[in-house]
Amino acid sequence: MKSFREWGFRGSEAGLEADFVLTYEYDDTSRRVAAEMDYHQYIASKVNWLEYVEVRPLVEGIKPFGVFKLKESEVYSVKTFGGETVTKGHEVDWPPFIGKIGRGN
């Protein structure tokens, strides 16, 4: 972390404008529970540019999973935990939901 700061990155002292989030699942348990957030929501709430989304499968063979992404980013592909790249609207979907597009609608 010292190196990040030496290079000009801002940590938690910058509040929602921080450039990185550093937390351990058990460090802020009481604050997270009081805020009624799960661990992923709690991390995403630390900065204004990060969000956690639940990825839903649109085809068989993919299990639901969650990912962190930049807010308002135009990201349409994500890797599964198995290493497969899947695309929003084709194999998976996440908020804002667009449903299945393309062939086989």
N, C-alpha and C. Protein backbone atom coordinates (compact mmCIF):
# COMPACT_ATOMS: atom_id res chain seq x y z
N MET A 1 0.81 -1.18 0.00
CA MET A 1 0.00 0.00 0.00
C MET A 1 0.86 1.25 0.00
N LYS A 2 1.98 1.20 0.68
CA LYS A 2 2.87 2.36 0.71
C LYS A 2 3.27 2.76 -0.71
N SER A 3 3.57 1.76 -1.56
CA SER A 3 3.96 2.06 -2.94
C SER A 3 2.83 2.74 -3.70
N PHE A 4 1.60 2.29 -3.53
CA PHE A 4 0.47 2.93 -4.19
C PHE A 4 0.43 4.40 -3.84
N ARG A 5 0.55 4.69 -2.57
CA ARG A 5 0.49 6.08 -2.13
C ARG A 5 1.69 6.88 -2.66
N GLU A 6 2.86 6.27 -2.69
CA GLU A 6 4.05 6.95 -3.23
C GLU A 6 3.86 7.31 -4.69
N TRP A 7 3.10 6.48 -5.41
CA TRP A 7 2.84 6.73 -6.84
C TRP A 7 1.68 7.68 -7.06
N GLY A 8 1.04 8.16 -5.98
CA GLY A 8 -0.02 9.14 -6.11
C GLY A 8 -1.42 8.60 -5.99
N PHE A 9 -1.59 7.30 -5.78
CA PHE A 9 -2.93 6.76 -5.60
C PHE A 9 -3.47 7.16 -4.23
N ARG A 10 -4.76 7.42 -4.17
CA ARG A 10 -5.40 7.83 -2.92
C ARG A 10 -6.13 6.64 -2.31
N GLY A 11 -5.94 6.43 -1.03
CA GLY A 11 -6.59 5.34 -0.31
C GLY A 11 -7.84 5.82 0.40
N SER A 12 -8.18 5.17 1.49
CA SER A 12 -9.42 5.45 2.22
C SER A 12 -9.51 6.90 2.72
N GLU A 13 -8.37 7.57 2.86
CA GLU A 13 -8.42 8.97 3.31
C GLU A 13 -9.17 9.86 2.31
N ALA A 14 -9.32 9.41 1.08
CA ALA A 14 -10.04 10.18 0.05
C ALA A 14 -11.52 9.86 0.02
N GLY A 15 -11.98 9.01 0.92
CA GLY A 15 -13.41 8.68 0.99
C GLY A 15 -13.90 8.03 -0.29
N LEU A 16 -15.04 8.49 -0.79
CA LEU A 16 -15.64 7.89 -1.99
C LEU A 16 -14.79 8.10 -3.24
N GLU A 17 -13.86 9.03 -3.18
CA GLU A 17 -12.99 9.31 -4.33
C GLU A 17 -11.70 8.48 -4.30
N ALA A 18 -11.58 7.52 -3.39
CA ALA A 18 -10.37 6.70 -3.29
C ALA A 18 -10.11 5.97 -4.59
N ASP A 19 -8.84 5.72 -4.86
CA ASP A 19 -8.43 5.02 -6.08
C ASP A 19 -8.39 3.51 -5.91
N PHE A 20 -8.39 3.04 -4.67
CA PHE A 20 -8.40 1.60 -4.43
C PHE A 20 -9.11 1.31 -3.12
N VAL A 21 -9.57 0.07 -2.98
CA VAL A 21 -10.27 -0.37 -1.78
C VAL A 21 -9.45 -1.49 -1.17
N LEU A 22 -9.15 -1.36 0.10
CA LEU A 22 -8.43 -2.40 0.82
C LEU A 22 -9.26 -2.76 2.04
N THR A 23 -9.69 -4.00 2.10
CA THR A 23 -10.47 -4.45 3.24
C THR A 23 -10.29 -5.94 3.40
N TYR A 24 -10.54 -6.39 4.57
CA TYR A 24 -10.53 -7.82 4.86
C TYR A 24 -11.92 -8.17 5.35
N GLU A 25 -12.41 -9.31 4.93
CA GLU A 25 -13.80 -9.68 5.20
C GLU A 25 -14.20 -9.53 6.66
N TYR A 26 -13.30 -9.75 7.59
CA TYR A 26 -13.67 -9.75 9.00
C TYR A 26 -13.32 -8.46 9.72
N ASP A 27 -12.67 -7.51 9.05
CA ASP A 27 -12.27 -6.26 9.69
C ASP A 27 -13.45 -5.39 10.09
N ASP A 28 -14.39 -5.21 9.21
CA ASP A 28 -15.49 -4.26 9.43
C ASP A 28 -16.82 -4.96 9.63
N THR A 29 -16.81 -6.12 10.22
CA THR A 29 -18.05 -6.91 10.35
C THR A 29 -19.15 -6.14 11.05
N SER A 30 -18.85 -5.48 12.17
CA SER A 30 -19.90 -4.80 12.92
C SER A 30 -20.50 -3.64 12.11
N ARG A 31 -19.66 -2.88 11.40
CA ARG A 31 -20.18 -1.79 10.57
C ARG A 31 -21.02 -2.32 9.41
N ARG A 32 -20.53 -3.39 8.79
CA ARG A 32 -21.24 -3.98 7.65
C ARG A 32 -22.59 -4.52 8.09
N VAL A 33 -22.62 -5.22 9.21
CA VAL A 33 -23.88 -5.78 9.71
C VAL A 33 -24.83 -4.67 10.09
N ALA A 34 -24.33 -3.63 10.74
CA ALA A 34 -25.18 -2.50 11.12
C ALA A 34 -25.77 -1.82 9.89
N ALA A 35 -25.03 -1.80 8.79
CA ALA A 35 -25.51 -1.19 7.55
C ALA A 35 -26.40 -2.14 6.76
N GLU A 36 -26.57 -3.37 7.26
CA GLU A 36 -27.38 -4.41 6.60
C GLU A 36 -26.91 -4.67 5.18
N MET A 37 -25.58 -4.81 5.02
CA MET A 37 -24.99 -5.09 3.71
C MET A 37 -24.23 -6.40 3.76
N ASP A 38 -24.22 -7.12 2.64
CA ASP A 38 -23.33 -8.27 2.59
C ASP A 38 -21.92 -7.76 2.28
N TYR A 39 -20.97 -8.65 2.33
CA TYR A 39 -19.56 -8.26 2.18
C TYR A 39 -19.30 -7.52 0.86
N HIS A 40 -19.87 -8.02 -0.24
CA HIS A 40 -19.62 -7.41 -1.55
C HIS A 40 -20.24 -6.02 -1.65
N GLN A 41 -21.46 -5.87 -1.15
CA GLN A 41 -22.11 -4.55 -1.17
C GLN A 41 -21.31 -3.56 -0.33
N TYR A 42 -20.79 -4.04 0.79
CA TYR A 42 -20.03 -3.18 1.69
C TYR A 42 -18.76 -2.66 1.01
N ILE A 43 -18.04 -3.54 0.32
CA ILE A 43 -16.84 -3.11 -0.41
C ILE A 43 -17.20 -2.07 -1.47
N ALA A 44 -18.24 -2.36 -2.24
CA ALA A 44 -18.64 -1.44 -3.32
C ALA A 44 -19.09 -0.09 -2.77
N SER A 45 -19.59 -0.05 -1.53
CA SER A 45 -20.06 1.21 -0.96
C SER A 45 -18.91 2.12 -0.52
N LYS A 46 -17.69 1.60 -0.51
CA LYS A 46 -16.53 2.36 -0.05
C LYS A 46 -16.07 3.42 -1.04
N VAL A 47 -16.39 3.25 -2.33
CA VAL A 47 -15.98 4.20 -3.37
C VAL A 47 -17.14 4.44 -4.31
N ASN A 48 -17.09 5.54 -5.05
CA ASN A 48 -18.21 5.88 -5.92
C ASN A 48 -18.09 5.35 -7.35
N TRP A 49 -17.07 4.59 -7.64
CA TRP A 49 -16.85 4.12 -9.02
C TRP A 49 -16.98 2.60 -9.16
N LEU A 50 -17.31 1.91 -8.07
CA LEU A 50 -17.33 0.45 -8.07
C LEU A 50 -18.72 -0.05 -7.70
N GLU A 51 -19.14 -1.12 -8.37
CA GLU A 51 -20.40 -1.76 -8.00
C GLU A 51 -20.25 -3.27 -8.10
N TYR A 52 -21.07 -3.97 -7.34
CA TYR A 52 -21.10 -5.43 -7.37
C TYR A 52 -22.41 -5.83 -8.02
N VAL A 53 -22.34 -6.65 -9.06
CA VAL A 53 -23.55 -7.10 -9.75
C VAL A 53 -23.63 -8.62 -9.75
N GLU A 54 -24.86 -9.11 -9.65
CA GLU A 54 -25.13 -10.54 -9.77
C GLU A 54 -25.32 -10.85 -11.24
N VAL A 55 -24.56 -11.79 -11.73
CA VAL A 55 -24.63 -12.20 -13.14
C VAL A 55 -25.55 -13.42 -13.22
N ARG A 56 -26.57 -13.32 -14.07
CA ARG A 56 -27.54 -14.40 -14.23
C ARG A 56 -27.32 -15.10 -15.57
N PRO A 57 -27.37 -16.42 -15.56
CA PRO A 57 -27.20 -17.14 -16.83
C PRO A 57 -28.44 -17.04 -17.71
N LEU A 58 -28.22 -17.00 -19.00
CA LEU A 58 -29.31 -17.03 -19.98
C LEU A 58 -29.33 -18.36 -20.73
N VAL A 59 -28.29 -19.16 -20.54
CA VAL A 59 -28.18 -20.46 -21.19
C VAL A 59 -27.82 -21.50 -20.13
N GLU A 60 -28.07 -22.74 -20.45
CA GLU A 60 -27.74 -23.82 -19.53
C GLU A 60 -26.23 -24.00 -19.43
N GLY A 61 -25.79 -24.51 -18.30
CA GLY A 61 -24.39 -24.82 -18.11
C GLY A 61 -23.58 -23.73 -17.42
N ILE A 62 -24.22 -22.59 -17.14
CA ILE A 62 -23.53 -21.50 -16.43
C ILE A 62 -24.27 -21.27 -15.12
N LYS A 63 -23.53 -21.25 -14.04
CA LYS A 63 -24.13 -20.98 -12.73
C LYS A 63 -24.10 -19.48 -12.47
N PRO A 64 -25.09 -18.97 -11.72
CA PRO A 64 -25.07 -17.54 -11.36
C PRO A 64 -23.81 -17.22 -10.55
N PHE A 65 -23.27 -16.02 -10.74
CA PHE A 65 -22.11 -15.58 -9.97
C PHE A 65 -22.13 -14.06 -9.89
N GLY A 66 -21.31 -13.50 -9.03
CA GLY A 66 -21.24 -12.06 -8.86
C GLY A 66 -19.88 -11.53 -9.24
N VAL A 67 -19.85 -10.27 -9.68
CA VAL A 67 -18.59 -9.63 -10.07
C VAL A 67 -18.60 -8.15 -9.66
N PHE A 68 -17.41 -7.62 -9.46
CA PHE A 68 -17.25 -6.18 -9.29
C PHE A 68 -17.00 -5.58 -10.66
N LYS A 69 -17.58 -4.41 -10.91
CA LYS A 69 -17.34 -3.71 -12.17
C LYS A 69 -17.36 -2.21 -11.93
N LEU A 70 -16.80 -1.48 -12.86
CA LEU A 70 -16.86 -0.02 -12.79
C LEU A 70 -18.29 0.43 -13.05
N LYS A 71 -18.78 1.36 -12.25
CA LYS A 71 -20.12 1.91 -12.48
C LYS A 71 -20.16 2.61 -13.82
N GLU A 72 -21.28 2.52 -14.49
CA GLU A 72 -21.53 3.20 -15.75
C GLU A 72 -20.51 2.85 -16.83
N SER A 73 -19.87 1.69 -16.70
CA SER A 73 -18.94 1.26 -17.74
C SER A 73 -19.71 0.48 -18.79
N GLU A 74 -19.23 0.50 -19.98
CA GLU A 74 -19.88 -0.25 -21.06
C GLU A 74 -19.19 -1.59 -21.22
N VAL A 75 -19.23 -2.37 -20.15
CA VAL A 75 -18.65 -3.71 -20.13
C VAL A 75 -19.73 -4.69 -20.55
N TYR A 76 -19.42 -5.54 -21.52
CA TYR A 76 -20.42 -6.49 -22.00
C TYR A 76 -19.92 -7.93 -21.94
N SER A 77 -18.69 -8.14 -21.54
CA SER A 77 -18.15 -9.51 -21.42
C SER A 77 -17.52 -9.67 -20.05
N VAL A 78 -17.56 -10.90 -19.56
CA VAL A 78 -16.98 -11.22 -18.26
C VAL A 78 -16.49 -12.66 -18.29
N LYS A 79 -15.47 -12.95 -17.51
CA LYS A 79 -14.98 -14.32 -17.41
C LYS A 79 -15.66 -15.01 -16.25
N THR A 80 -16.05 -16.26 -16.47
CA THR A 80 -16.60 -17.07 -15.39
C THR A 80 -15.44 -17.58 -14.54
N PHE A 81 -15.77 -18.19 -13.41
CA PHE A 81 -14.71 -18.74 -12.56
C PHE A 81 -14.02 -19.91 -13.23
N GLY A 82 -14.66 -20.49 -14.25
CA GLY A 82 -14.04 -21.56 -15.02
C GLY A 82 -13.15 -21.04 -16.14
N GLY A 83 -13.08 -19.70 -16.31
CA GLY A 83 -12.21 -19.11 -17.31
C GLY A 83 -12.87 -18.85 -18.65
N GLU A 84 -14.15 -19.19 -18.78
CA GLU A 84 -14.88 -18.98 -20.03
C GLU A 84 -15.33 -17.51 -20.13
N THR A 85 -15.16 -16.88 -21.29
CA THR A 85 -15.65 -15.52 -21.49
C THR A 85 -17.08 -15.60 -22.00
N VAL A 86 -17.98 -14.90 -21.29
CA VAL A 86 -19.40 -14.89 -21.65
C VAL A 86 -19.83 -13.44 -21.87
N THR A 87 -20.89 -13.26 -22.67
CA THR A 87 -21.30 -11.92 -23.09
C THR A 87 -22.72 -11.61 -22.63
N LYS A 88 -22.90 -10.40 -22.12
CA LYS A 88 -24.21 -9.91 -21.68
C LYS A 88 -25.17 -9.94 -22.86
N GLY A 89 -26.36 -10.48 -22.62
CA GLY A 89 -27.37 -10.55 -23.66
C GLY A 89 -27.30 -11.81 -24.50
N HIS A 90 -26.23 -12.55 -24.36
CA HIS A 90 -26.07 -13.80 -25.12
C HIS A 90 -26.07 -15.00 -24.17
N GLU A 91 -25.05 -15.09 -23.33
CA GLU A 91 -24.98 -16.21 -22.38
C GLU A 91 -25.40 -15.81 -20.97
N VAL A 92 -25.24 -14.52 -20.63
CA VAL A 92 -25.53 -14.02 -19.28
C VAL A 92 -26.19 -12.65 -19.34
N ASP A 93 -26.66 -12.20 -18.19
CA ASP A 93 -27.23 -10.86 -18.08
C ASP A 93 -26.99 -10.34 -16.67
N TRP A 94 -26.92 -9.01 -16.52
CA TRP A 94 -26.79 -8.36 -15.21
C TRP A 94 -27.44 -7.00 -15.30
N PRO A 95 -27.77 -6.37 -14.14
CA PRO A 95 -28.43 -5.07 -14.17
C PRO A 95 -27.60 -4.02 -14.90
N PRO A 96 -28.24 -3.13 -15.65
CA PRO A 96 -29.64 -3.20 -16.05
C PRO A 96 -29.85 -4.35 -17.04
N PHE A 97 -30.85 -5.15 -16.77
CA PHE A 97 -31.09 -6.35 -17.57
C PHE A 97 -31.57 -6.00 -18.97
N ILE A 98 -31.03 -6.72 -19.96
CA ILE A 98 -31.42 -6.50 -21.34
C ILE A 98 -32.05 -7.75 -21.94
N GLY A 99 -31.97 -8.87 -21.25
CA GLY A 99 -32.53 -10.12 -21.75
C GLY A 99 -31.67 -10.72 -22.85
N LYS A 100 -32.15 -11.82 -23.40
CA LYS A 100 -31.40 -12.54 -24.43
C LYS A 100 -31.62 -11.86 -25.78
N ILE A 101 -30.51 -11.62 -26.48
CA ILE A 101 -30.58 -10.99 -27.81
C ILE A 101 -29.93 -11.92 -28.82
N GLY A 102 -30.15 -11.65 -30.08
CA GLY A 102 -29.50 -12.46 -31.11
C GLY A 102 -30.33 -13.68 -31.51
N ARG A 103 -29.66 -14.62 -32.17
CA ARG A 103 -30.33 -15.83 -32.64
C ARG A 103 -30.92 -16.63 -31.49
N GLY A 104 -32.04 -17.26 -31.78
CA GLY A 104 -32.65 -18.15 -30.80
C GLY A 104 -33.45 -17.44 -29.72
N ASN A 105 -33.83 -16.19 -29.97
CA ASN A 105 -34.64 -15.47 -28.99
C ASN A 105 -35.91 -16.19 -28.69
